[in-house]
Amino acid sequence: MKELNKQLLEKRENEFVQTISLSHTVGFAVPIYKSDKVVASLSIFVTQSRYIDSHKEKISKLIYKAAKNISERLES
């Protein structure tokens, strides 16, 4: 249980999650905010056979940017 709590805290601090499912899918997720509260998340999934580790940086930048744009629109 301590390990799970540690991992959850780490994910909250990083605001980025990457997973690999049993069905060979790589997923990425980031939070979307409204009034400094997480109200949703934005996720992207890629088949593992088409994913290369060097894609992680580009995907993370793009998904963060998209989530930030959505969060800003929710505030206006």
N, C-alpha and C. Protein backbone atom coordinates (compact mmCIF):
# COMPACT_ATOMS: atom_id res chain seq x y z
N MET A 1 0.82 -1.19 0.00
CA MET A 1 0.00 0.00 0.00
C MET A 1 0.87 1.26 0.00
N LYS A 2 1.98 1.22 0.73
CA LYS A 2 2.88 2.37 0.76
C LYS A 2 3.43 2.66 -0.63
N GLU A 3 3.77 1.59 -1.36
CA GLU A 3 4.31 1.76 -2.71
C GLU A 3 3.27 2.38 -3.63
N LEU A 4 2.02 1.95 -3.52
CA LEU A 4 0.95 2.52 -4.34
C LEU A 4 0.77 4.01 -4.04
N ASN A 5 0.73 4.36 -2.77
CA ASN A 5 0.59 5.77 -2.38
C ASN A 5 1.77 6.60 -2.88
N LYS A 6 2.96 6.03 -2.81
CA LYS A 6 4.16 6.71 -3.31
C LYS A 6 4.04 6.97 -4.81
N GLN A 7 3.60 5.95 -5.56
CA GLN A 7 3.45 6.10 -7.00
C GLN A 7 2.36 7.12 -7.36
N LEU A 8 1.25 7.11 -6.63
CA LEU A 8 0.18 8.06 -6.89
C LEU A 8 0.64 9.50 -6.63
N LEU A 9 1.37 9.69 -5.54
CA LEU A 9 1.89 11.02 -5.22
C LEU A 9 2.85 11.49 -6.32
N GLU A 10 3.69 10.59 -6.78
CA GLU A 10 4.64 10.92 -7.85
C GLU A 10 3.89 11.34 -9.12
N LYS A 11 2.84 10.63 -9.46
CA LYS A 11 2.05 10.96 -10.66
C LYS A 11 1.40 12.33 -10.52
N ARG A 12 0.89 12.63 -9.34
CA ARG A 12 0.27 13.94 -9.10
C ARG A 12 1.29 15.06 -9.24
N GLU A 13 2.47 14.85 -8.70
CA GLU A 13 3.51 15.88 -8.75
C GLU A 13 4.00 16.10 -10.18
N ASN A 14 4.16 15.02 -10.93
CA ASN A 14 4.64 15.12 -12.31
C ASN A 14 3.57 15.58 -13.28
N GLU A 15 2.32 15.37 -12.92
CA GLU A 15 1.17 15.71 -13.77
C GLU A 15 1.28 15.06 -15.15
N PHE A 16 1.83 13.86 -15.17
CA PHE A 16 2.00 13.13 -16.43
C PHE A 16 2.04 11.64 -16.11
N VAL A 17 1.27 10.87 -16.86
CA VAL A 17 1.26 9.42 -16.66
C VAL A 17 1.48 8.74 -18.00
N GLN A 18 2.34 7.75 -17.98
CA GLN A 18 2.54 6.90 -19.16
C GLN A 18 2.29 5.47 -18.73
N THR A 19 1.48 4.75 -19.51
CA THR A 19 1.19 3.36 -19.21
C THR A 19 1.38 2.50 -20.46
N ILE A 20 1.60 1.22 -20.21
CA ILE A 20 1.62 0.25 -21.30
C ILE A 20 0.66 -0.86 -20.88
N SER A 21 -0.38 -1.06 -21.69
CA SER A 21 -1.42 -2.03 -21.33
C SER A 21 -1.05 -3.43 -21.79
N LEU A 22 -1.80 -4.38 -21.28
CA LEU A 22 -1.61 -5.77 -21.68
C LEU A 22 -1.98 -5.99 -23.15
N SER A 23 -2.77 -5.07 -23.69
CA SER A 23 -3.16 -5.18 -25.10
C SER A 23 -2.19 -4.44 -26.02
N HIS A 24 -0.99 -4.15 -25.50
CA HIS A 24 0.09 -3.54 -26.28
C HIS A 24 -0.25 -2.14 -26.78
N THR A 25 -0.80 -1.35 -25.88
CA THR A 25 -1.12 0.04 -26.16
C THR A 25 -0.36 0.91 -25.18
N VAL A 26 0.26 1.97 -25.68
CA VAL A 26 0.97 2.92 -24.82
C VAL A 26 0.06 4.13 -24.64
N GLY A 27 -0.18 4.49 -23.40
CA GLY A 27 -1.07 5.61 -23.10
C GLY A 27 -0.36 6.71 -22.35
N PHE A 28 -0.80 7.93 -22.58
CA PHE A 28 -0.28 9.11 -21.90
C PHE A 28 -1.47 9.92 -21.41
N ALA A 29 -1.36 10.52 -20.23
CA ALA A 29 -2.45 11.33 -19.71
C ALA A 29 -1.91 12.50 -18.89
N VAL A 30 -2.61 13.62 -18.98
CA VAL A 30 -2.28 14.82 -18.20
C VAL A 30 -3.59 15.42 -17.69
N PRO A 31 -3.53 16.17 -16.59
CA PRO A 31 -4.75 16.76 -16.03
C PRO A 31 -5.19 18.02 -16.78
N ILE A 32 -6.48 18.29 -16.68
CA ILE A 32 -7.06 19.54 -17.16
C ILE A 32 -7.64 20.23 -15.93
N TYR A 33 -7.35 21.52 -15.80
CA TYR A 33 -7.74 22.28 -14.61
C TYR A 33 -8.82 23.31 -14.89
N LYS A 34 -9.59 23.57 -13.85
CA LYS A 34 -10.50 24.72 -13.82
C LYS A 34 -10.49 25.21 -12.37
N SER A 35 -10.17 26.48 -12.20
CA SER A 35 -10.09 27.06 -10.85
C SER A 35 -9.13 26.27 -9.96
N ASP A 36 -7.99 25.92 -10.51
CA ASP A 36 -6.93 25.20 -9.79
C ASP A 36 -7.34 23.82 -9.30
N LYS A 37 -8.41 23.26 -9.86
CA LYS A 37 -8.83 21.90 -9.51
C LYS A 37 -8.81 21.06 -10.77
N VAL A 38 -8.41 19.81 -10.62
CA VAL A 38 -8.44 18.89 -11.75
C VAL A 38 -9.90 18.53 -12.01
N VAL A 39 -10.36 18.80 -13.24
CA VAL A 39 -11.75 18.52 -13.61
C VAL A 39 -11.86 17.45 -14.69
N ALA A 40 -10.74 17.13 -15.33
CA ALA A 40 -10.73 16.13 -16.39
C ALA A 40 -9.29 15.76 -16.69
N SER A 41 -9.13 14.87 -17.63
CA SER A 41 -7.79 14.54 -18.11
C SER A 41 -7.83 14.40 -19.62
N LEU A 42 -6.68 14.58 -20.21
CA LEU A 42 -6.52 14.41 -21.65
C LEU A 42 -5.61 13.22 -21.85
N SER A 43 -6.04 12.28 -22.67
CA SER A 43 -5.27 11.05 -22.88
C SER A 43 -5.03 10.82 -24.36
N ILE A 44 -3.91 10.20 -24.64
CA ILE A 44 -3.55 9.79 -25.99
C ILE A 44 -3.07 8.35 -25.91
N PHE A 45 -3.51 7.54 -26.86
CA PHE A 45 -3.09 6.14 -26.89
C PHE A 45 -2.50 5.81 -28.25
N VAL A 46 -1.42 5.04 -28.23
CA VAL A 46 -0.69 4.65 -29.45
C VAL A 46 -0.44 3.15 -29.37
N THR A 47 -0.57 2.45 -30.48
CA THR A 47 -0.24 1.03 -30.45
C THR A 47 1.25 0.87 -30.18
N GLN A 48 1.58 -0.07 -29.35
CA GLN A 48 2.97 -0.25 -28.92
C GLN A 48 3.89 -0.54 -30.11
N SER A 49 3.38 -1.21 -31.13
CA SER A 49 4.21 -1.54 -32.28
C SER A 49 4.63 -0.29 -33.08
N ARG A 50 3.88 0.80 -32.93
CA ARG A 50 4.21 2.03 -33.65
C ARG A 50 4.91 3.06 -32.77
N TYR A 51 5.06 2.74 -31.50
CA TYR A 51 5.66 3.68 -30.54
C TYR A 51 7.15 3.44 -30.40
N ILE A 52 7.90 4.53 -30.37
CA ILE A 52 9.34 4.51 -30.13
C ILE A 52 9.60 5.40 -28.92
N ASP A 53 10.50 4.98 -28.02
CA ASP A 53 10.76 5.76 -26.81
C ASP A 53 11.10 7.22 -27.09
N SER A 54 11.71 7.48 -28.21
CA SER A 54 12.06 8.87 -28.53
C SER A 54 10.82 9.72 -28.80
N HIS A 55 9.66 9.09 -29.00
CA HIS A 55 8.40 9.83 -29.20
C HIS A 55 7.88 10.44 -27.90
N LYS A 56 8.31 9.91 -26.76
CA LYS A 56 7.76 10.33 -25.47
C LYS A 56 7.89 11.84 -25.26
N GLU A 57 9.04 12.40 -25.55
CA GLU A 57 9.25 13.83 -25.33
C GLU A 57 8.30 14.67 -26.19
N LYS A 58 8.19 14.32 -27.45
CA LYS A 58 7.32 15.07 -28.36
C LYS A 58 5.85 14.92 -27.94
N ILE A 59 5.44 13.71 -27.63
CA ILE A 59 4.06 13.48 -27.20
C ILE A 59 3.77 14.24 -25.91
N SER A 60 4.69 14.20 -24.95
CA SER A 60 4.45 14.90 -23.68
C SER A 60 4.33 16.40 -23.88
N LYS A 61 5.16 16.98 -24.73
CA LYS A 61 5.05 18.42 -25.00
C LYS A 61 3.71 18.77 -25.64
N LEU A 62 3.30 17.97 -26.61
CA LEU A 62 2.04 18.25 -27.31
C LEU A 62 0.82 18.06 -26.41
N ILE A 63 0.82 17.02 -25.59
CA ILE A 63 -0.33 16.78 -24.74
C ILE A 63 -0.41 17.82 -23.62
N TYR A 64 0.74 18.23 -23.08
CA TYR A 64 0.75 19.32 -22.09
C TYR A 64 0.21 20.61 -22.69
N LYS A 65 0.64 20.94 -23.90
CA LYS A 65 0.19 22.16 -24.56
C LYS A 65 -1.32 22.12 -24.80
N ALA A 66 -1.82 21.00 -25.27
CA ALA A 66 -3.25 20.87 -25.51
C ALA A 66 -4.05 20.99 -24.21
N ALA A 67 -3.57 20.34 -23.16
CA ALA A 67 -4.27 20.41 -21.87
C ALA A 67 -4.25 21.83 -21.31
N LYS A 68 -3.14 22.52 -21.49
CA LYS A 68 -3.05 23.91 -21.03
C LYS A 68 -4.05 24.78 -21.78
N ASN A 69 -4.15 24.60 -23.09
CA ASN A 69 -5.10 25.37 -23.90
C ASN A 69 -6.54 25.10 -23.45
N ILE A 70 -6.86 23.85 -23.19
CA ILE A 70 -8.21 23.51 -22.72
C ILE A 70 -8.47 24.15 -21.36
N SER A 71 -7.50 24.06 -20.46
CA SER A 71 -7.65 24.65 -19.12
C SER A 71 -7.86 26.16 -19.22
N GLU A 72 -7.13 26.82 -20.09
CA GLU A 72 -7.28 28.26 -20.26
C GLU A 72 -8.67 28.60 -20.80
N ARG A 73 -9.18 27.81 -21.71
CA ARG A 73 -10.52 28.04 -22.26
C ARG A 73 -11.61 27.84 -21.20
N LEU A 74 -11.38 26.91 -20.31
CA LEU A 74 -12.35 26.68 -19.24
C LEU A 74 -12.41 27.86 -18.28
N GLU A 75 -11.31 28.58 -18.15
CA GLU A 75 -11.25 29.74 -17.26
C GLU A 75 -11.90 30.99 -17.86
N SER A 76 -12.00 31.04 -19.17
CA SER A 76 -12.55 32.26 -19.80
C SER A 76 -14.04 32.18 -20.02
